Amino acid sequence: MTLNEFNTLPEDCQLAVVYATGTYVARHWQEVYEAVLLYELPGRFFVELTYHVDTNEVQHLFPFAAGSEDDRLADYAMFVQLPGWLPEAE
């Protein structure tokens, strides 16, 4: 499924596709009670789910492609941990 095909689905179907075929990548916190979960989908695009931890509900779903004007991958860069065997940068 492409990003364009995904965008034509109703939101409840989009959420079902994310849970059925998406690969969890990362999480960051928007607020104390809002986790933003990043998934990669097989069509080589990403979906953010804004999840309210108190109500256990997805509040917002945001699909995007890497490198697009909507790209949000930079928000997760600070959480990437490189393996210890990589040499130190000078």
N, C-alpha and C. Protein backbone atom coordinates (compact mmCIF):
# COMPACT_ATOMS: atom_id res chain seq x y z
N MET A 1 0.85 -1.18 0.00
CA MET A 1 0.00 0.00 0.00
C MET A 1 0.89 1.24 0.00
N THR A 2 0.54 2.19 -0.82
CA THR A 2 1.29 3.44 -0.89
C THR A 2 0.72 4.45 0.11
N LEU A 3 1.46 5.52 0.32
CA LEU A 3 0.98 6.58 1.21
C LEU A 3 -0.32 7.18 0.67
N ASN A 4 -0.40 7.39 -0.64
CA ASN A 4 -1.63 7.94 -1.23
C ASN A 4 -2.82 7.02 -1.02
N GLU A 5 -2.62 5.72 -1.19
CA GLU A 5 -3.70 4.76 -0.95
C GLU A 5 -4.12 4.77 0.52
N PHE A 6 -3.13 4.83 1.40
CA PHE A 6 -3.40 4.89 2.84
C PHE A 6 -4.23 6.12 3.18
N ASN A 7 -3.87 7.25 2.59
CA ASN A 7 -4.57 8.51 2.89
C ASN A 7 -6.02 8.51 2.44
N THR A 8 -6.39 7.65 1.49
CA THR A 8 -7.79 7.61 1.03
C THR A 8 -8.68 6.78 1.95
N LEU A 9 -8.08 6.01 2.86
CA LEU A 9 -8.87 5.16 3.77
C LEU A 9 -9.50 6.01 4.87
N PRO A 10 -10.65 5.58 5.40
CA PRO A 10 -11.20 6.24 6.59
C PRO A 10 -10.24 6.04 7.77
N GLU A 11 -10.29 6.92 8.74
CA GLU A 11 -9.32 6.89 9.85
C GLU A 11 -9.35 5.57 10.62
N ASP A 12 -10.53 4.98 10.83
CA ASP A 12 -10.57 3.71 11.56
C ASP A 12 -9.87 2.60 10.78
N CYS A 13 -9.97 2.62 9.46
CA CYS A 13 -9.26 1.64 8.63
C CYS A 13 -7.76 1.92 8.61
N GLN A 14 -7.38 3.19 8.62
CA GLN A 14 -5.97 3.53 8.69
C GLN A 14 -5.36 2.97 9.97
N LEU A 15 -6.04 3.15 11.07
CA LEU A 15 -5.55 2.65 12.35
C LEU A 15 -5.41 1.13 12.33
N ALA A 16 -6.38 0.45 11.74
CA ALA A 16 -6.31 -1.01 11.62
C ALA A 16 -5.11 -1.44 10.78
N VAL A 17 -4.83 -0.72 9.70
CA VAL A 17 -3.68 -1.03 8.85
C VAL A 17 -2.37 -0.83 9.62
N VAL A 18 -2.29 0.25 10.38
CA VAL A 18 -1.08 0.51 11.18
C VAL A 18 -0.84 -0.65 12.14
N TYR A 19 -1.86 -1.07 12.88
CA TYR A 19 -1.69 -2.15 13.85
C TYR A 19 -1.43 -3.50 13.18
N ALA A 20 -2.02 -3.72 12.01
CA ALA A 20 -1.87 -5.02 11.34
C ALA A 20 -0.54 -5.15 10.59
N THR A 21 -0.05 -4.06 9.98
CA THR A 21 1.12 -4.19 9.11
C THR A 21 2.29 -3.30 9.49
N GLY A 22 2.07 -2.36 10.40
CA GLY A 22 3.13 -1.43 10.77
C GLY A 22 4.15 -2.04 11.71
N THR A 23 5.36 -1.51 11.66
CA THR A 23 6.44 -1.90 12.56
C THR A 23 6.71 -0.73 13.48
N TYR A 24 6.58 -0.98 14.79
CA TYR A 24 6.85 0.07 15.77
C TYR A 24 8.32 0.46 15.67
N VAL A 25 8.58 1.78 15.63
CA VAL A 25 9.95 2.27 15.49
C VAL A 25 10.41 3.00 16.75
N ALA A 26 9.61 3.95 17.24
CA ALA A 26 10.05 4.78 18.36
C ALA A 26 8.87 5.46 19.02
N ARG A 27 9.19 6.12 20.16
CA ARG A 27 8.17 6.89 20.90
C ARG A 27 8.83 8.14 21.45
N HIS A 28 8.09 9.23 21.46
CA HIS A 28 8.50 10.41 22.22
C HIS A 28 7.26 10.96 22.91
N TRP A 29 7.50 11.81 23.90
CA TRP A 29 6.40 12.36 24.69
C TRP A 29 6.13 13.78 24.27
N GLN A 30 4.86 14.05 23.94
CA GLN A 30 4.43 15.40 23.57
C GLN A 30 4.02 16.18 24.81
N GLU A 31 3.31 15.53 25.68
CA GLU A 31 2.89 16.05 26.98
C GLU A 31 3.06 14.91 27.97
N VAL A 32 2.85 15.17 29.24
CA VAL A 32 2.99 14.12 30.25
C VAL A 32 2.03 12.96 29.96
N TYR A 33 0.88 13.26 29.42
CA TYR A 33 -0.15 12.25 29.17
C TYR A 33 -0.30 11.87 27.70
N GLU A 34 0.56 12.41 26.82
CA GLU A 34 0.46 12.12 25.38
C GLU A 34 1.77 11.53 24.85
N ALA A 35 1.70 10.27 24.46
CA ALA A 35 2.83 9.62 23.81
C ALA A 35 2.60 9.66 22.30
N VAL A 36 3.66 9.93 21.56
CA VAL A 36 3.59 9.91 20.10
C VAL A 36 4.37 8.68 19.65
N LEU A 37 3.68 7.73 19.04
CA LEU A 37 4.26 6.46 18.61
C LEU A 37 4.50 6.49 17.12
N LEU A 38 5.70 6.11 16.70
CA LEU A 38 6.07 6.12 15.29
C LEU A 38 6.08 4.70 14.75
N TYR A 39 5.39 4.49 13.63
CA TYR A 39 5.35 3.19 12.95
C TYR A 39 5.83 3.37 11.51
N GLU A 40 6.55 2.36 11.01
CA GLU A 40 6.90 2.32 9.59
C GLU A 40 5.99 1.30 8.94
N LEU A 41 5.42 1.65 7.78
CA LEU A 41 4.55 0.73 7.07
C LEU A 41 5.26 0.16 5.85
N PRO A 42 4.82 -1.01 5.37
CA PRO A 42 5.50 -1.68 4.26
C PRO A 42 5.63 -0.84 2.99
N GLY A 43 4.80 0.13 2.78
CA GLY A 43 4.89 0.99 1.60
C GLY A 43 5.99 2.04 1.71
N ARG A 44 6.86 1.90 2.73
CA ARG A 44 8.00 2.81 2.95
C ARG A 44 7.54 4.21 3.32
N PHE A 45 6.50 4.29 4.17
CA PHE A 45 6.10 5.56 4.73
C PHE A 45 5.87 5.36 6.22
N PHE A 46 5.66 6.43 6.93
CA PHE A 46 5.56 6.39 8.39
C PHE A 46 4.22 6.94 8.84
N VAL A 47 3.80 6.51 10.04
CA VAL A 47 2.58 7.03 10.64
C VAL A 47 2.87 7.30 12.11
N GLU A 48 2.52 8.50 12.56
CA GLU A 48 2.58 8.84 13.97
C GLU A 48 1.18 8.68 14.57
N LEU A 49 1.12 8.03 15.72
CA LEU A 49 -0.12 7.94 16.48
C LEU A 49 0.06 8.71 17.77
N THR A 50 -0.76 9.72 18.00
CA THR A 50 -0.73 10.44 19.26
C THR A 50 -1.70 9.72 20.19
N TYR A 51 -1.15 9.19 21.27
CA TYR A 51 -1.88 8.29 22.17
C TYR A 51 -2.01 8.94 23.54
N HIS A 52 -3.24 9.04 24.04
CA HIS A 52 -3.51 9.60 25.36
C HIS A 52 -3.44 8.46 26.38
N VAL A 53 -2.46 8.54 27.27
CA VAL A 53 -2.22 7.41 28.18
C VAL A 53 -3.29 7.27 29.27
N ASP A 54 -3.97 8.36 29.62
CA ASP A 54 -5.01 8.27 30.65
C ASP A 54 -6.29 7.63 30.13
N THR A 55 -6.63 7.92 28.88
CA THR A 55 -7.88 7.39 28.31
C THR A 55 -7.66 6.16 27.44
N ASN A 56 -6.37 5.80 27.19
CA ASN A 56 -6.03 4.66 26.32
C ASN A 56 -6.66 4.78 24.94
N GLU A 57 -6.59 5.99 24.37
CA GLU A 57 -7.16 6.23 23.06
C GLU A 57 -6.16 6.93 22.15
N VAL A 58 -6.24 6.59 20.86
CA VAL A 58 -5.47 7.32 19.86
C VAL A 58 -6.22 8.61 19.57
N GLN A 59 -5.55 9.73 19.75
CA GLN A 59 -6.19 11.03 19.54
C GLN A 59 -5.99 11.55 18.13
N HIS A 60 -4.85 11.19 17.53
CA HIS A 60 -4.51 11.75 16.22
C HIS A 60 -3.62 10.78 15.48
N LEU A 61 -3.79 10.74 14.17
CA LEU A 61 -3.00 9.87 13.30
C LEU A 61 -2.41 10.76 12.21
N PHE A 62 -1.07 10.68 11.99
CA PHE A 62 -0.43 11.55 11.02
C PHE A 62 0.51 10.74 10.13
N PRO A 63 0.13 10.45 8.88
CA PRO A 63 1.00 9.73 7.95
C PRO A 63 1.93 10.70 7.21
N PHE A 64 3.15 10.24 6.92
CA PHE A 64 4.09 11.07 6.15
C PHE A 64 5.16 10.19 5.52
N ALA A 65 5.80 10.75 4.50
CA ALA A 65 6.90 10.07 3.82
C ALA A 65 8.21 10.72 4.26
N ALA A 66 9.25 9.90 4.40
CA ALA A 66 10.58 10.43 4.73
C ALA A 66 11.04 11.36 3.62
N GLY A 67 11.58 12.49 3.99
CA GLY A 67 12.08 13.45 3.01
C GLY A 67 11.03 14.40 2.47
N SER A 68 9.76 14.20 2.84
CA SER A 68 8.71 15.10 2.37
C SER A 68 8.70 16.35 3.24
N GLU A 69 7.90 17.34 2.85
CA GLU A 69 7.81 18.55 3.66
C GLU A 69 7.16 18.28 5.01
N ASP A 70 6.43 17.16 5.14
CA ASP A 70 5.78 16.79 6.40
C ASP A 70 6.64 15.84 7.24
N ASP A 71 7.86 15.55 6.81
CA ASP A 71 8.74 14.60 7.48
C ASP A 71 8.95 14.99 8.95
N ARG A 72 8.71 14.06 9.85
CA ARG A 72 8.88 14.31 11.29
C ARG A 72 9.95 13.41 11.91
N LEU A 73 10.75 12.75 11.10
CA LEU A 73 11.75 11.83 11.63
C LEU A 73 12.79 12.52 12.50
N ALA A 74 13.05 13.79 12.24
CA ALA A 74 14.03 14.52 13.05
C ALA A 74 13.62 14.58 14.51
N ASP A 75 12.33 14.52 14.79
CA ASP A 75 11.84 14.53 16.17
C ASP A 75 12.32 13.31 16.96
N TYR A 76 12.73 12.27 16.26
CA TYR A 76 13.15 11.02 16.92
C TYR A 76 14.66 10.85 16.95
N ALA A 77 15.41 11.73 16.29
CA ALA A 77 16.85 11.56 16.15
C ALA A 77 17.56 11.52 17.50
N MET A 78 17.12 12.32 18.46
CA MET A 78 17.80 12.36 19.76
C MET A 78 17.65 11.06 20.54
N PHE A 79 16.71 10.20 20.13
CA PHE A 79 16.48 8.95 20.85
C PHE A 79 17.22 7.77 20.24
N VAL A 80 17.92 7.99 19.12
CA VAL A 80 18.64 6.91 18.45
C VAL A 80 19.92 6.61 19.23
N GLN A 81 20.13 5.34 19.53
CA GLN A 81 21.35 4.92 20.21
C GLN A 81 22.16 4.06 19.25
N LEU A 82 23.36 4.51 18.95
CA LEU A 82 24.24 3.78 18.06
C LEU A 82 24.96 2.69 18.84
N PRO A 83 25.31 1.59 18.18
CA PRO A 83 25.99 0.51 18.88
C PRO A 83 27.36 0.95 19.40
N GLY A 84 27.80 0.35 20.49
CA GLY A 84 29.05 0.72 21.13
C GLY A 84 30.29 0.42 20.30
N TRP A 85 30.18 -0.43 19.29
CA TRP A 85 31.35 -0.78 18.49
C TRP A 85 31.71 0.27 17.46
N LEU A 86 30.85 1.27 17.25
CA LEU A 86 31.18 2.34 16.29
C LEU A 86 32.28 3.22 16.88
N PRO A 87 33.23 3.67 16.05
CA PRO A 87 34.29 4.55 16.56
C PRO A 87 33.74 5.92 16.92
N GLU A 88 34.39 6.57 17.89
CA GLU A 88 34.00 7.91 18.31
C GLU A 88 34.27 8.90 17.18
N ALA A 89 33.41 9.89 17.02
CA ALA A 89 33.62 10.94 16.02
C ALA A 89 34.65 11.93 16.56
N GLU A 90 35.48 12.44 15.67
CA GLU A 90 36.51 13.41 16.10
C GLU A 90 36.05 14.82 15.93
